[in-house]
Amino acid sequence: MEMIKIQKKNKKEQNIFLEEDPIYKNVLSFAIKKGKISTSLIQRQFKIGYYRALGCMEELEKRGIVDSSDGLRPREVLIKYEGSD
């Protein structure tokens, strides 16, 4: 498994291991660049089905990378790459 270093909004650094799904790393990078992410945005950007996109979103939430769902709006991304402002 590959590891990347990220920085949470509270400035606390954390190492995270990327999941086995080959698209997860790309979804993570896309989410960090956008600042907000939704399951439908993942589906459109990566041309994947709902359940695979949902799995990526659930993994992002489980790891504390995105906030919890608040309905129909995209979720806020809570991290950034180390050294980026």
C-alpha atoms as a PDB file:
ATOM      1  CA  MET A   1       0.000   0.000   0.000  1.00  0.00           C
ATOM      2  CA  GLU A   2       1.164   3.508  -0.782  1.00  0.00           C
ATOM      3  CA  MET A   3       1.360   6.180   1.924  1.00  0.00           C
ATOM      4  CA  ILE A   4       0.992   9.959   1.597  1.00  0.00           C
ATOM      5  CA  LYS A   5       1.424  12.736   4.163  1.00  0.00           C
ATOM      6  CA  ILE A   6      -1.441  15.190   4.578  1.00  0.00           C
ATOM      7  CA  GLN A   7      -2.170  18.113   6.872  1.00  0.00           C
ATOM      8  CA  LYS A   8      -5.556  18.520   8.555  1.00  0.00           C
ATOM      9  CA  LYS A   9      -7.107  21.971   8.837  1.00  0.00           C
ATOM     10  CA  ASN A  10      -6.056  22.093  12.486  1.00  0.00           C
ATOM     11  CA  LYS A  11      -2.452  21.917  11.162  1.00  0.00           C
ATOM     12  CA  LYS A  12      -1.944  18.412  12.570  1.00  0.00           C
ATOM     13  CA  GLU A  13       0.041  16.231  10.177  1.00  0.00           C
ATOM     14  CA  GLN A  14      -1.044  12.676   9.483  1.00  0.00           C
ATOM     15  CA  ASN A  15       0.176   9.822   7.318  1.00  0.00           C
ATOM     16  CA  ILE A  16      -2.560   7.907   5.526  1.00  0.00           C
ATOM     17  CA  PHE A  17      -2.378   4.660   3.651  1.00  0.00           C
ATOM     18  CA  LEU A  18      -4.190   4.547   0.338  1.00  0.00           C
ATOM     19  CA  GLU A  19      -6.774   1.837  -0.127  1.00  0.00           C
ATOM     20  CA  GLU A  20      -6.488  -0.974  -2.619  1.00  0.00           C
ATOM     21  CA  ASP A  21      -9.107   0.435  -5.043  1.00  0.00           C
ATOM     22  CA  PRO A  22      -6.924   1.784  -7.866  1.00  0.00           C
ATOM     23  CA  ILE A  23      -9.105   4.888  -8.256  1.00  0.00           C
ATOM     24  CA  TYR A  24      -8.982   5.908  -4.570  1.00  0.00           C
ATOM     25  CA  LYS A  25      -5.723   7.875  -4.849  1.00  0.00           C
ATOM     26  CA  ASN A  26      -7.120   9.861  -7.777  1.00  0.00           C
ATOM     27  CA  VAL A  27     -10.386  10.538  -5.933  1.00  0.00           C
ATOM     28  CA  LEU A  28      -8.432  11.722  -2.886  1.00  0.00           C
ATOM     29  CA  SER A  29      -6.290  14.089  -4.985  1.00  0.00           C
ATOM     30  CA  PHE A  30      -9.355  15.400  -6.817  1.00  0.00           C
ATOM     31  CA  ALA A  31     -11.199  16.021  -3.542  1.00  0.00           C
ATOM     32  CA  ILE A  32      -8.286  17.931  -2.023  1.00  0.00           C
ATOM     33  CA  LYS A  33      -7.927  20.107  -5.136  1.00  0.00           C
ATOM     34  CA  LYS A  34     -11.670  20.878  -5.269  1.00  0.00           C
ATOM     35  CA  GLY A  35     -12.147  21.502  -1.549  1.00  0.00           C
ATOM     36  CA  LYS A  36     -15.638  19.985  -1.715  1.00  0.00           C
ATOM     37  CA  ILE A  37     -16.738  16.573  -2.950  1.00  0.00           C
ATOM     38  CA  SER A  38     -19.906  14.564  -3.524  1.00  0.00           C
ATOM     39  CA  THR A  39     -20.673  11.046  -4.652  1.00  0.00           C
ATOM     40  CA  SER A  40     -22.208  12.319  -7.896  1.00  0.00           C
ATOM     41  CA  LEU A  41     -19.157  14.489  -8.608  1.00  0.00           C
ATOM     42  CA  ILE A  42     -16.928  11.416  -8.173  1.00  0.00           C
ATOM     43  CA  GLN A  43     -19.202   9.472 -10.545  1.00  0.00           C
ATOM     44  CA  ARG A  44     -19.054  12.143 -13.239  1.00  0.00           C
ATOM     45  CA  GLN A  45     -15.353  12.905 -12.948  1.00  0.00           C
ATOM     46  CA  PHE A  46     -14.187   9.287 -12.945  1.00  0.00           C
ATOM     47  CA  LYS A  47     -17.005   7.750 -15.016  1.00  0.00           C
ATOM     48  CA  ILE A  48     -17.771   5.106 -12.412  1.00  0.00           C
ATOM     49  CA  GLY A  49     -20.970   3.705 -10.942  1.00  0.00           C
ATOM     50  CA  TYR A  50     -22.788   4.895  -7.849  1.00  0.00           C
ATOM     51  CA  TYR A  51     -21.703   2.100  -5.508  1.00  0.00           C
ATOM     52  CA  ARG A  52     -18.017   2.438  -6.331  1.00  0.00           C
ATOM     53  CA  ALA A  53     -18.214   6.223  -5.887  1.00  0.00           C
ATOM     54  CA  LEU A  54     -20.099   5.726  -2.626  1.00  0.00           C
ATOM     55  CA  GLY A  55     -17.390   3.346  -1.412  1.00  0.00           C
ATOM     56  CA  CYS A  56     -14.753   6.007  -2.069  1.00  0.00           C
ATOM     57  CA  MET A  57     -16.853   8.623  -0.269  1.00  0.00           C
ATOM     58  CA  GLU A  58     -17.382   6.336   2.731  1.00  0.00           C
ATOM     59  CA  GLU A  59     -13.651   5.669   2.927  1.00  0.00           C
ATOM     60  CA  LEU A  60     -12.923   9.417   2.800  1.00  0.00           C
ATOM     61  CA  GLU A  61     -15.380   9.986   5.651  1.00  0.00           C
ATOM     62  CA  LYS A  62     -14.075   7.051   7.707  1.00  0.00           C
ATOM     63  CA  ARG A  63     -10.552   8.471   7.516  1.00  0.00           C
ATOM     64  CA  GLY A  64     -11.663  11.986   8.518  1.00  0.00           C
ATOM     65  CA  ILE A  65     -10.856  13.469   5.118  1.00  0.00           C
ATOM     66  CA  VAL A  66     -14.383  14.787   4.493  1.00  0.00           C
ATOM     67  CA  ASP A  67     -17.070  15.876   6.939  1.00  0.00           C
ATOM     68  CA  SER A  68     -20.255  13.905   7.445  1.00  0.00           C
ATOM     69  CA  SER A  69     -23.145  14.214   5.034  1.00  0.00           C
ATOM     70  CA  ASP A  70     -25.531  17.079   5.597  1.00  0.00           C
ATOM     71  CA  GLY A  71     -28.038  16.287   2.869  1.00  0.00           C
ATOM     72  CA  LEU A  72     -27.734  17.247  -0.758  1.00  0.00           C
ATOM     73  CA  ARG A  73     -24.769  19.616  -0.602  1.00  0.00           C
ATOM     74  CA  PRO A  74     -21.199  18.515  -1.390  1.00  0.00           C
ATOM     75  CA  ARG A  75     -19.060  17.657   1.611  1.00  0.00           C
ATOM     76  CA  GLU A  76     -16.211  19.875   2.746  1.00  0.00           C
ATOM     77  CA  VAL A  77     -12.717  18.387   2.457  1.00  0.00           C
ATOM     78  CA  LEU A  78     -10.995  18.714   5.835  1.00  0.00           C
ATOM     79  CA  ILE A  79      -7.386  18.175   4.746  1.00  0.00           C
ATOM     80  CA  LYS A  80      -4.815  19.492   2.324  1.00  0.00           C
ATOM     81  CA  TYR A  81      -1.512  18.196   1.066  1.00  0.00           C
ATOM     82  CA  GLU A  82       1.396  19.006   3.340  1.00  0.00           C
ATOM     83  CA  GLY A  83       2.980  22.310   2.411  1.00  0.00           C
ATOM     84  CA  SER A  84       0.067  23.593   0.333  1.00  0.00           C
ATOM     85  CA  ASP A  85      -1.831  26.733   1.374  1.00  0.00           C
END
